[in-house]
N, C-alpha and C. Protein backbone atom coordinates (compact mmCIF):
# COMPACT_ATOMS: atom_id res chain seq x y z
N MET A 1 143.22 63.53 129.21
CA MET A 1 141.99 62.99 129.80
C MET A 1 141.03 64.09 130.26
N LYS A 2 141.26 65.31 129.84
CA LYS A 2 140.42 66.42 130.33
C LYS A 2 138.97 66.27 129.90
N HIS A 3 138.75 65.80 128.68
CA HIS A 3 137.39 65.60 128.19
C HIS A 3 136.68 64.53 129.02
N THR A 4 137.40 63.46 129.32
CA THR A 4 136.84 62.38 130.14
C THR A 4 136.52 62.87 131.54
N MET A 5 137.43 63.62 132.15
CA MET A 5 137.21 64.09 133.52
C MET A 5 136.04 65.09 133.57
N LYS A 6 135.88 65.88 132.54
CA LYS A 6 134.72 66.79 132.48
C LYS A 6 133.43 65.98 132.42
N ALA A 7 133.42 64.91 131.61
CA ALA A 7 132.25 64.05 131.53
C ALA A 7 132.01 63.32 132.85
N LEU A 8 133.09 62.94 133.54
CA LEU A 8 132.96 62.29 134.85
C LEU A 8 132.30 63.24 135.85
N LYS A 9 132.73 64.48 135.88
CA LYS A 9 132.15 65.45 136.80
C LYS A 9 130.67 65.66 136.51
N THR A 10 130.33 65.81 135.24
CA THR A 10 128.92 65.98 134.85
C THR A 10 128.09 64.78 135.26
N MET A 11 128.63 63.57 135.05
CA MET A 11 127.92 62.36 135.44
C MET A 11 127.70 62.31 136.94
N CYS A 12 128.73 62.66 137.72
CA CYS A 12 128.60 62.63 139.18
C CYS A 12 127.57 63.65 139.66
N GLU A 13 127.52 64.81 139.04
CA GLU A 13 126.51 65.82 139.40
C GLU A 13 125.10 65.28 139.14
N TRP A 14 124.94 64.61 138.01
CA TRP A 14 123.65 63.99 137.68
C TRP A 14 123.29 62.90 138.69
N ALA A 15 124.24 62.01 139.00
CA ALA A 15 123.97 60.91 139.92
C ALA A 15 123.72 61.41 141.34
N ALA A 16 124.46 62.43 141.76
CA ALA A 16 124.28 62.97 143.11
C ALA A 16 122.91 63.60 143.29
N ALA A 17 122.31 64.05 142.21
CA ALA A 17 121.00 64.69 142.27
C ALA A 17 119.85 63.69 142.27
N GLN A 18 120.14 62.40 142.06
CA GLN A 18 119.09 61.39 142.04
C GLN A 18 118.65 61.06 143.47
N ASN A 19 117.43 60.57 143.60
CA ASN A 19 116.94 60.08 144.88
C ASN A 19 117.27 58.59 144.97
N HIS A 20 118.55 58.30 145.26
CA HIS A 20 119.05 56.93 145.19
C HIS A 20 120.04 56.72 146.33
N ASP A 21 120.14 55.49 146.83
CA ASP A 21 121.06 55.26 147.95
C ASP A 21 122.52 55.40 147.53
N ALA A 22 122.81 55.42 146.23
CA ALA A 22 124.18 55.65 145.76
C ALA A 22 124.52 57.13 145.61
N SER A 23 123.52 58.00 145.67
CA SER A 23 123.74 59.42 145.34
C SER A 23 124.77 60.08 146.24
N TRP A 24 124.76 59.74 147.52
CA TRP A 24 125.71 60.37 148.45
C TRP A 24 127.15 60.06 148.03
N GLY A 25 127.38 58.85 147.50
CA GLY A 25 128.73 58.47 147.08
C GLY A 25 129.22 59.31 145.92
N TYR A 26 128.33 59.60 145.00
CA TYR A 26 128.71 60.46 143.88
C TYR A 26 128.99 61.89 144.35
N GLN A 27 128.29 62.32 145.39
CA GLN A 27 128.61 63.64 145.96
C GLN A 27 129.99 63.62 146.60
N GLN A 28 130.36 62.50 147.22
CA GLN A 28 131.71 62.38 147.78
C GLN A 28 132.77 62.51 146.69
N ILE A 29 132.53 61.91 145.54
CA ILE A 29 133.48 62.04 144.43
C ILE A 29 133.62 63.51 144.03
N LEU A 30 132.50 64.20 143.93
CA LEU A 30 132.55 65.63 143.58
C LEU A 30 133.34 66.42 144.60
N ASP A 31 133.12 66.13 145.88
CA ASP A 31 133.74 66.91 146.95
C ASP A 31 135.22 66.61 147.12
N ARG A 32 135.64 65.39 146.85
CA ARG A 32 137.01 64.98 147.17
C ARG A 32 137.98 65.01 145.98
N THR A 33 137.47 65.20 144.79
CA THR A 33 138.33 65.20 143.60
C THR A 33 138.80 66.61 143.29
N ASP A 34 140.08 66.74 142.97
CA ASP A 34 140.63 68.02 142.51
C ASP A 34 140.36 68.12 141.01
N TRP A 35 139.34 68.89 140.66
CA TRP A 35 138.92 69.00 139.27
C TRP A 35 139.72 70.03 138.49
N SER A 36 140.66 70.70 139.15
CA SER A 36 141.40 71.78 138.48
C SER A 36 142.39 71.27 137.44
N GLY A 37 142.78 70.01 137.55
CA GLY A 37 143.73 69.45 136.59
C GLY A 37 144.59 68.40 137.25
N PRO A 38 145.36 67.64 136.47
CA PRO A 38 146.20 66.58 137.04
C PRO A 38 147.33 67.15 137.89
N ARG A 39 147.63 66.45 138.99
CA ARG A 39 148.76 66.82 139.85
C ARG A 39 150.02 66.04 139.50
N ARG A 40 149.85 64.91 138.85
CA ARG A 40 150.99 64.05 138.52
C ARG A 40 150.94 63.72 137.04
N ASP A 41 152.08 63.28 136.51
CA ASP A 41 152.11 62.82 135.13
C ASP A 41 151.23 61.58 134.98
N ALA A 42 150.55 61.50 133.88
CA ALA A 42 149.73 60.33 133.61
C ALA A 42 150.62 59.13 133.30
N PRO A 43 150.17 57.92 133.63
CA PRO A 43 150.96 56.73 133.28
C PRO A 43 151.04 56.56 131.77
N GLU A 44 152.00 55.79 131.34
CA GLU A 44 152.13 55.51 129.91
C GLU A 44 150.89 54.76 129.42
N PRO A 45 150.32 55.19 128.29
CA PRO A 45 149.15 54.48 127.76
C PRO A 45 149.48 53.01 127.51
N LYS A 46 148.51 52.16 127.80
CA LYS A 46 148.71 50.73 127.61
C LYS A 46 147.37 50.10 127.28
N SER A 47 147.26 49.50 126.12
CA SER A 47 146.02 48.84 125.74
C SER A 47 146.02 47.41 126.29
N ALA A 48 144.96 46.70 126.01
CA ALA A 48 144.83 45.30 126.44
C ALA A 48 143.98 44.59 125.40
N ASN A 49 144.20 43.29 125.26
CA ASN A 49 143.45 42.53 124.27
C ASN A 49 141.95 42.66 124.48
N LEU A 50 141.53 42.66 125.75
CA LEU A 50 140.11 42.75 126.04
C LEU A 50 139.54 44.09 125.58
N ALA A 51 140.31 45.16 125.76
CA ALA A 51 139.87 46.48 125.29
C ALA A 51 139.83 46.52 123.76
N ASP A 52 140.84 45.96 123.13
CA ASP A 52 140.86 45.94 121.67
C ASP A 52 139.64 45.20 121.12
N THR A 53 139.19 44.19 121.85
CA THR A 53 138.08 43.36 121.39
C THR A 53 136.72 43.98 121.72
N TYR A 54 136.57 44.55 122.92
CA TYR A 54 135.23 44.89 123.40
C TYR A 54 134.96 46.36 123.71
N PHE A 55 135.99 47.20 123.79
CA PHE A 55 135.77 48.59 124.21
C PHE A 55 134.77 49.29 123.28
N LYS A 56 135.00 49.22 121.98
CA LYS A 56 134.10 49.88 121.03
C LYS A 56 132.69 49.32 121.15
N GLN A 57 132.55 48.03 121.31
CA GLN A 57 131.23 47.42 121.41
C GLN A 57 130.49 47.93 122.65
N THR A 58 131.18 48.02 123.78
CA THR A 58 130.50 48.49 124.99
C THR A 58 130.08 49.95 124.85
N VAL A 59 130.88 50.75 124.17
CA VAL A 59 130.50 52.16 123.95
C VAL A 59 129.28 52.23 123.03
N ASP A 60 129.22 51.38 122.02
CA ASP A 60 128.05 51.34 121.14
C ASP A 60 126.79 50.93 121.91
N LEU A 61 126.96 50.19 122.99
CA LEU A 61 125.83 49.76 123.82
C LEU A 61 125.43 50.80 124.86
N ALA A 62 126.21 51.86 124.99
CA ALA A 62 125.93 52.89 126.00
C ALA A 62 124.68 53.68 125.62
N GLY A 63 123.87 54.00 126.63
CA GLY A 63 122.63 54.71 126.39
C GLY A 63 122.81 56.21 126.31
N ASP A 64 121.69 56.89 126.09
CA ASP A 64 121.66 58.35 126.02
C ASP A 64 121.46 58.89 127.43
N ASN A 65 122.53 58.88 128.20
CA ASN A 65 122.50 59.30 129.60
C ASN A 65 123.92 59.71 129.99
N PRO A 66 124.11 60.34 131.15
CA PRO A 66 125.46 60.81 131.51
C PRO A 66 126.50 59.70 131.65
N LEU A 67 126.08 58.50 132.04
CA LEU A 67 127.04 57.39 132.08
C LEU A 67 127.46 56.99 130.67
N GLY A 68 126.52 57.00 129.74
CA GLY A 68 126.86 56.76 128.35
C GLY A 68 127.75 57.84 127.78
N ASP A 69 127.50 59.09 128.19
CA ASP A 69 128.35 60.20 127.73
C ASP A 69 129.78 60.02 128.22
N LEU A 70 129.93 59.53 129.46
CA LEU A 70 131.27 59.26 129.98
C LEU A 70 131.96 58.18 129.14
N ALA A 71 131.23 57.16 128.77
CA ALA A 71 131.80 56.10 127.92
C ALA A 71 132.30 56.67 126.60
N ARG A 72 131.50 57.52 125.99
CA ARG A 72 131.88 58.07 124.69
C ARG A 72 133.08 59.02 124.81
N ALA A 73 133.12 59.80 125.89
CA ALA A 73 134.26 60.69 126.10
C ALA A 73 135.54 59.89 126.31
N LEU A 74 135.44 58.83 127.09
CA LEU A 74 136.60 57.98 127.35
C LEU A 74 137.10 57.33 126.07
N TYR A 75 136.20 56.89 125.24
CA TYR A 75 136.61 56.24 123.99
C TYR A 75 137.33 57.23 123.07
N GLU A 76 136.91 58.48 123.08
CA GLU A 76 137.58 59.50 122.27
C GLU A 76 139.03 59.68 122.71
N GLU A 77 139.30 59.47 123.99
CA GLU A 77 140.65 59.64 124.53
C GLU A 77 141.33 58.30 124.80
N ARG A 78 140.92 57.28 124.08
CA ARG A 78 141.41 55.92 124.34
C ARG A 78 142.91 55.77 124.15
N GLU A 79 143.53 56.64 123.37
CA GLU A 79 144.98 56.54 123.18
C GLU A 79 145.75 57.00 124.41
N GLN A 80 145.06 57.57 125.40
CA GLN A 80 145.72 58.05 126.62
C GLN A 80 145.51 57.11 127.81
N ILE A 81 144.90 55.98 127.58
CA ILE A 81 144.45 55.10 128.66
C ILE A 81 145.49 54.04 128.98
N GLU A 82 145.62 53.74 130.28
CA GLU A 82 146.40 52.59 130.73
C GLU A 82 145.45 51.56 131.32
N TRP A 83 145.21 50.48 130.62
CA TRP A 83 144.42 49.37 131.15
C TRP A 83 145.33 48.42 131.92
N PHE A 84 144.81 47.82 132.98
CA PHE A 84 145.58 46.80 133.69
C PHE A 84 144.63 45.71 134.19
N THR A 85 145.21 44.59 134.58
CA THR A 85 144.43 43.44 135.05
C THR A 85 144.52 43.33 136.57
N MET A 86 143.65 42.50 137.12
CA MET A 86 143.61 42.29 138.57
C MET A 86 143.57 40.79 138.86
N TYR A 87 143.74 40.47 140.12
CA TYR A 87 143.55 39.11 140.64
C TYR A 87 144.57 38.11 140.11
N GLN A 88 145.77 38.60 139.77
CA GLN A 88 146.81 37.66 139.34
C GLN A 88 147.15 36.67 140.45
N SER A 89 146.99 37.08 141.70
CA SER A 89 147.32 36.19 142.82
C SER A 89 146.36 35.01 142.93
N TYR A 90 145.25 35.06 142.19
CA TYR A 90 144.27 33.97 142.21
C TYR A 90 144.42 33.07 140.98
N HIS A 91 145.58 33.07 140.35
CA HIS A 91 145.76 32.32 139.11
C HIS A 91 145.52 30.83 139.28
N ASP A 92 145.68 30.32 140.52
CA ASP A 92 145.49 28.90 140.77
C ASP A 92 144.11 28.59 141.34
N GLU A 93 143.21 29.57 141.36
CA GLU A 93 141.86 29.39 141.88
C GLU A 93 140.91 29.23 140.68
N PRO A 94 140.40 28.03 140.44
CA PRO A 94 139.59 27.80 139.23
C PRO A 94 138.34 28.66 139.16
N ARG A 95 137.79 29.04 140.31
CA ARG A 95 136.57 29.85 140.29
C ARG A 95 136.83 31.29 139.85
N VAL A 96 138.08 31.72 139.84
CA VAL A 96 138.43 33.09 139.45
C VAL A 96 139.12 33.12 138.09
N LYS A 97 139.47 31.96 137.57
CA LYS A 97 140.26 31.89 136.34
C LYS A 97 139.58 32.63 135.19
N GLY A 98 138.29 32.44 135.01
CA GLY A 98 137.59 33.10 133.91
C GLY A 98 137.59 34.60 134.03
N LEU A 99 137.49 35.10 135.26
CA LEU A 99 137.50 36.54 135.47
C LEU A 99 138.86 37.13 135.15
N GLY A 100 139.92 36.45 135.52
CA GLY A 100 141.26 36.99 135.33
C GLY A 100 141.58 37.34 133.89
N SER A 101 141.05 36.57 132.96
CA SER A 101 141.32 36.82 131.54
C SER A 101 140.22 37.61 130.85
N ASN A 102 139.19 38.00 131.60
CA ASN A 102 138.04 38.68 131.01
C ASN A 102 137.63 39.92 131.79
N TYR A 103 138.59 40.54 132.46
CA TYR A 103 138.28 41.72 133.27
C TYR A 103 139.50 42.64 133.29
N ILE A 104 139.30 43.90 132.92
CA ILE A 104 140.37 44.90 132.97
C ILE A 104 139.84 46.19 133.56
N ILE A 105 140.75 47.02 134.01
CA ILE A 105 140.38 48.23 134.73
C ILE A 105 141.32 49.37 134.33
N LEU A 106 140.80 50.58 134.40
CA LEU A 106 141.64 51.77 134.26
C LEU A 106 141.29 52.73 135.38
N ARG A 107 142.28 53.43 135.87
CA ARG A 107 142.10 54.36 136.98
C ARG A 107 141.89 55.77 136.44
N LEU A 108 140.84 56.43 136.89
CA LEU A 108 140.59 57.82 136.53
C LEU A 108 141.15 58.77 137.58
N GLY A 109 140.83 58.54 138.84
CA GLY A 109 141.30 59.42 139.90
C GLY A 109 141.54 58.67 141.19
N GLY A 110 142.29 59.29 142.10
CA GLY A 110 142.57 58.68 143.39
C GLY A 110 143.77 59.32 144.04
N PRO A 111 144.11 58.89 145.25
CA PRO A 111 145.27 59.47 145.96
C PRO A 111 146.58 59.30 145.22
N ARG A 112 146.72 58.26 144.40
CA ARG A 112 147.96 58.01 143.67
C ARG A 112 147.81 58.24 142.16
N ALA A 113 146.66 58.71 141.73
CA ALA A 113 146.41 58.92 140.31
C ALA A 113 146.85 60.31 139.89
N SER A 114 146.92 60.53 138.58
CA SER A 114 147.30 61.86 138.10
C SER A 114 146.25 62.90 138.48
N TRP A 115 144.97 62.52 138.43
CA TRP A 115 143.90 63.39 138.92
C TRP A 115 143.62 62.98 140.37
N HIS A 116 143.92 63.88 141.30
CA HIS A 116 143.92 63.54 142.72
C HIS A 116 142.51 63.52 143.30
N ALA A 117 142.28 62.54 144.19
CA ALA A 117 141.07 62.49 145.01
C ALA A 117 141.47 61.98 146.39
N ASP A 118 140.85 62.52 147.42
CA ASP A 118 141.19 62.18 148.80
C ASP A 118 140.48 60.91 149.25
N ASP A 119 141.25 59.86 149.51
CA ASP A 119 140.77 58.60 150.08
C ASP A 119 139.57 58.02 149.33
N LEU A 120 139.60 58.14 148.03
CA LEU A 120 138.67 57.41 147.18
C LEU A 120 139.31 57.22 145.81
N THR A 121 138.84 56.23 145.10
CA THR A 121 139.31 55.99 143.75
C THR A 121 138.13 55.98 142.79
N THR A 122 138.38 56.41 141.56
CA THR A 122 137.39 56.29 140.50
C THR A 122 138.01 55.49 139.36
N ALA A 123 137.23 54.62 138.77
CA ALA A 123 137.77 53.70 137.78
C ALA A 123 136.69 53.30 136.79
N VAL A 124 137.13 52.73 135.68
CA VAL A 124 136.24 52.16 134.67
C VAL A 124 136.72 50.74 134.39
N THR A 125 135.78 49.82 134.23
CA THR A 125 136.12 48.42 134.00
C THR A 125 135.41 47.88 132.76
N ILE A 126 136.05 46.91 132.13
CA ILE A 126 135.42 46.11 131.09
C ILE A 126 135.37 44.67 131.57
N GLN A 127 134.19 44.08 131.53
CA GLN A 127 133.99 42.67 131.86
C GLN A 127 133.49 41.98 130.59
N GLY A 128 134.20 40.95 130.17
CA GLY A 128 133.85 40.27 128.94
C GLY A 128 132.52 39.55 129.00
N PRO A 129 132.00 39.11 127.85
CA PRO A 129 130.73 38.37 127.84
C PRO A 129 130.84 37.04 128.58
N ASN A 130 129.69 36.59 129.09
CA ASN A 130 129.59 35.28 129.74
C ASN A 130 130.68 35.09 130.79
N THR A 131 130.87 36.14 131.59
CA THR A 131 131.91 36.14 132.62
C THR A 131 131.29 36.39 133.99
N TRP A 132 131.69 35.58 134.94
CA TRP A 132 131.20 35.69 136.32
C TRP A 132 132.24 36.41 137.16
N TYR A 133 131.81 37.50 137.79
CA TYR A 133 132.64 38.16 138.82
C TYR A 133 132.15 37.59 140.15
N PRO A 134 132.91 36.68 140.77
CA PRO A 134 132.42 35.95 141.93
C PRO A 134 132.07 36.86 143.10
N PRO A 135 131.31 36.33 144.07
CA PRO A 135 130.93 37.15 145.23
C PRO A 135 132.16 37.61 146.00
N HIS A 136 132.18 38.88 146.33
CA HIS A 136 133.31 39.46 147.04
C HIS A 136 132.79 40.60 147.92
N ALA A 137 133.63 41.04 148.82
CA ALA A 137 133.27 42.12 149.74
C ALA A 137 134.53 42.91 150.06
N HIS A 138 134.32 44.13 150.57
CA HIS A 138 135.46 44.98 150.93
C HIS A 138 135.03 46.02 151.96
N ARG A 139 136.01 46.53 152.67
CA ARG A 139 135.76 47.55 153.70
C ARG A 139 135.21 48.84 153.08
N GLN A 140 135.64 49.15 151.88
CA GLN A 140 135.22 50.38 151.23
C GLN A 140 133.72 50.37 150.93
N LYS A 141 133.09 51.52 151.04
CA LYS A 141 131.79 51.71 150.42
C LYS A 141 132.04 51.88 148.93
N GLU A 142 131.10 51.47 148.10
CA GLU A 142 131.33 51.50 146.66
C GLU A 142 130.08 51.94 145.92
N VAL A 143 130.29 52.81 144.93
CA VAL A 143 129.20 53.12 144.01
C VAL A 143 129.60 52.66 142.62
N TYR A 144 128.62 52.17 141.90
CA TYR A 144 128.80 51.67 140.54
C TYR A 144 127.87 52.42 139.60
N GLY A 145 128.21 52.42 138.33
CA GLY A 145 127.33 52.94 137.30
C GLY A 145 127.50 52.13 136.04
N ILE A 146 126.40 51.73 135.42
CA ILE A 146 126.46 50.95 134.19
C ILE A 146 126.58 51.91 133.01
N MET A 147 127.70 51.84 132.31
CA MET A 147 127.96 52.73 131.18
C MET A 147 127.45 52.14 129.87
N GLY A 148 127.79 50.89 129.59
CA GLY A 148 127.36 50.24 128.36
C GLY A 148 127.24 48.74 128.55
N GLY A 149 126.18 48.16 128.02
CA GLY A 149 125.96 46.73 128.18
C GLY A 149 124.92 46.43 129.25
N VAL A 150 124.66 45.15 129.43
CA VAL A 150 123.68 44.66 130.40
C VAL A 150 124.33 43.53 131.19
N ALA A 151 124.04 43.48 132.50
CA ALA A 151 124.56 42.39 133.33
C ALA A 151 123.58 42.10 134.45
N GLU A 152 123.71 40.93 135.03
CA GLU A 152 122.92 40.55 136.20
C GLU A 152 123.74 40.82 137.45
N TRP A 153 123.07 41.36 138.47
CA TRP A 153 123.75 41.82 139.68
C TRP A 153 123.07 41.20 140.90
N GLN A 154 123.87 40.82 141.88
CA GLN A 154 123.32 40.39 143.16
C GLN A 154 124.06 41.09 144.28
N ARG A 155 123.30 41.57 145.27
CA ARG A 155 123.87 42.28 146.41
C ARG A 155 123.31 41.68 147.69
N GLY A 156 124.21 41.19 148.56
CA GLY A 156 123.78 40.62 149.82
C GLY A 156 122.81 39.47 149.61
N ALA A 157 121.71 39.50 150.38
CA ALA A 157 120.69 38.45 150.28
C ALA A 157 119.62 38.77 149.25
N GLU A 158 119.79 39.86 148.52
CA GLU A 158 118.81 40.24 147.50
C GLU A 158 118.87 39.27 146.32
N GLY A 159 117.82 39.23 145.54
CA GLY A 159 117.81 38.41 144.35
C GLY A 159 118.62 39.03 143.23
N TRP A 160 118.80 38.27 142.16
CA TRP A 160 119.51 38.77 141.00
C TRP A 160 118.66 39.81 140.28
N VAL A 161 119.31 40.90 139.84
CA VAL A 161 118.64 42.00 139.16
C VAL A 161 119.40 42.32 137.88
N GLU A 162 118.68 42.50 136.78
CA GLU A 162 119.33 42.90 135.53
C GLU A 162 119.58 44.40 135.55
N ARG A 163 120.80 44.80 135.24
CA ARG A 163 121.19 46.21 135.24
C ARG A 163 121.60 46.61 133.82
N GLU A 164 121.25 47.86 133.45
CA GLU A 164 121.56 48.33 132.10
C GLU A 164 122.10 49.75 132.16
N SER A 165 122.52 50.25 131.00
CA SER A 165 123.15 51.57 130.92
C SER A 165 122.27 52.64 131.55
N GLY A 166 122.90 53.47 132.39
CA GLY A 166 122.21 54.55 133.06
C GLY A 166 121.84 54.25 134.50
N GLU A 167 122.03 53.00 134.95
CA GLU A 167 121.69 52.66 136.34
C GLU A 167 122.89 52.87 137.25
N ILE A 168 122.60 53.34 138.47
CA ILE A 168 123.63 53.47 139.50
C ILE A 168 123.32 52.49 140.62
N ILE A 169 124.37 52.04 141.32
CA ILE A 169 124.27 50.97 142.31
C ILE A 169 125.11 51.34 143.51
N TYR A 170 124.65 50.97 144.70
CA TYR A 170 125.42 51.19 145.93
C TYR A 170 125.73 49.86 146.59
N HIS A 171 127.00 49.66 146.94
CA HIS A 171 127.44 48.51 147.72
C HIS A 171 127.92 49.01 149.08
N PRO A 172 127.16 48.78 150.15
CA PRO A 172 127.62 49.20 151.48
C PRO A 172 128.89 48.44 151.88
N SER A 173 129.59 48.99 152.83
CA SER A 173 130.81 48.36 153.34
C SER A 173 130.50 46.96 153.85
N GLY A 174 131.30 45.99 153.41
CA GLY A 174 131.20 44.63 153.92
C GLY A 174 130.11 43.78 153.31
N VAL A 175 129.29 44.32 152.43
CA VAL A 175 128.20 43.56 151.83
C VAL A 175 128.69 42.86 150.56
N ARG A 176 128.52 41.57 150.49
CA ARG A 176 129.00 40.81 149.33
C ARG A 176 128.14 41.13 148.10
N HIS A 177 128.77 41.06 146.95
CA HIS A 177 128.06 41.32 145.69
C HIS A 177 128.78 40.58 144.57
N GLU A 178 128.05 40.30 143.51
CA GLU A 178 128.62 39.60 142.36
C GLU A 178 127.90 40.01 141.09
N THR A 179 128.55 39.75 139.96
CA THR A 179 128.04 40.18 138.66
C THR A 179 128.23 39.07 137.63
N GLN A 180 127.23 38.91 136.77
CA GLN A 180 127.31 37.92 135.70
C GLN A 180 126.91 38.57 134.38
N THR A 181 127.83 38.58 133.42
CA THR A 181 127.47 39.03 132.08
C THR A 181 126.95 37.85 131.27
N ARG A 182 126.19 38.17 130.23
CA ARG A 182 125.69 37.13 129.32
C ARG A 182 126.34 37.30 127.95
N ASP A 183 125.55 37.61 126.94
CA ASP A 183 126.09 37.64 125.58
C ASP A 183 126.86 38.91 125.26
N GLU A 184 126.68 39.96 126.08
CA GLU A 184 127.32 41.24 125.82
C GLU A 184 128.42 41.53 126.84
N PRO A 185 129.45 42.26 126.43
CA PRO A 185 130.42 42.76 127.42
C PRO A 185 129.81 43.91 128.21
N LEU A 186 130.46 44.28 129.28
CA LEU A 186 129.95 45.30 130.19
C LEU A 186 131.02 46.36 130.43
N LEU A 187 130.64 47.62 130.31
CA LEU A 187 131.50 48.75 130.65
C LEU A 187 130.88 49.44 131.86
N SER A 188 131.64 49.54 132.95
CA SER A 188 131.11 50.08 134.20
C SER A 188 132.02 51.14 134.79
N PHE A 189 131.41 52.04 135.55
CA PHE A 189 132.14 52.98 136.40
C PHE A 189 132.07 52.47 137.82
N ALA A 190 133.16 52.63 138.57
CA ALA A 190 133.18 52.21 139.97
C ALA A 190 134.01 53.17 140.80
N SER A 191 133.61 53.35 142.04
CA SER A 191 134.38 54.19 142.97
C SER A 191 134.41 53.54 144.34
N TRP A 192 135.62 53.37 144.88
CA TRP A 192 135.80 52.95 146.26
C TRP A 192 135.93 54.20 147.12
N ILE A 193 135.18 54.24 148.22
CA ILE A 193 135.13 55.41 149.07
C ILE A 193 135.64 55.04 150.47
N ASP A 194 136.71 55.69 150.90
CA ASP A 194 137.39 55.45 152.18
C ASP A 194 138.15 54.12 152.17
N HIS A 195 139.26 54.09 152.90
CA HIS A 195 140.08 52.87 153.04
C HIS A 195 140.47 52.31 151.67
N PHE A 196 140.80 53.21 150.74
CA PHE A 196 141.02 52.81 149.35
C PHE A 196 142.14 51.78 149.20
N HIS A 197 143.07 51.74 150.16
CA HIS A 197 144.25 50.89 150.04
C HIS A 197 143.98 49.43 150.41
N LEU A 198 142.83 49.14 150.99
CA LEU A 198 142.56 47.77 151.43
C LEU A 198 142.03 46.92 150.28
N PRO A 199 142.38 45.64 150.24
CA PRO A 199 141.94 44.79 149.12
C PRO A 199 140.51 44.29 149.32
N SER A 200 139.92 43.83 148.24
CA SER A 200 138.66 43.10 148.34
C SER A 200 138.99 41.62 148.52
N VAL A 201 138.03 40.85 149.03
CA VAL A 201 138.24 39.42 149.22
C VAL A 201 137.04 38.67 148.64
N PHE A 202 137.31 37.53 148.02
CA PHE A 202 136.22 36.70 147.54
C PHE A 202 135.57 36.00 148.72
N VAL A 203 134.26 35.84 148.64
CA VAL A 203 133.48 35.24 149.72
C VAL A 203 132.81 33.99 149.17
N TRP A 204 133.35 32.83 149.53
CA TRP A 204 132.80 31.57 149.04
C TRP A 204 131.86 30.98 150.08
N GLU A 205 130.86 30.28 149.62
CA GLU A 205 129.92 29.62 150.54
C GLU A 205 130.64 28.55 151.35
């Protein structure tokens, strides 16, 4: 994953230099990640049906920007990736059922990852087309980056905003947010900053 981690560092340097409320979070990633190399053995590679179906498409949708470059680097090293699913505990919640089968994640760095980072995690996600990620919130501050694809985003009381490749997003601690894809799948970068071990919770009206 060295090529991917090099692209991640370059992307974070680019994002940290922007005049954006998410920029400080990308600087935290730069400061807290051990870029010298992995400290632990990488997990066994594991693909997923969603990746087999949509990973290449999302990379083809990635723009000419550092987030798109990260997508392309990751795809080159796809044989080294362990994808996993989330929200299995919500299998009986109909509002989350669509997300459970249309959302996967891979871990790039963190306190328990092969590439170490202090009290933050870095990850990449695939969200399938026409999939709703319901409103949720968490103690962690979070920065996002759109790598490939387009999705609609809502944060707090703000209106829905269309996001595309090359955009960075900040979710303050405790602020609810949700995402809706349409005809295209979405490839995103995400980082939880501080309190990485705490779960997120869905926030229903």
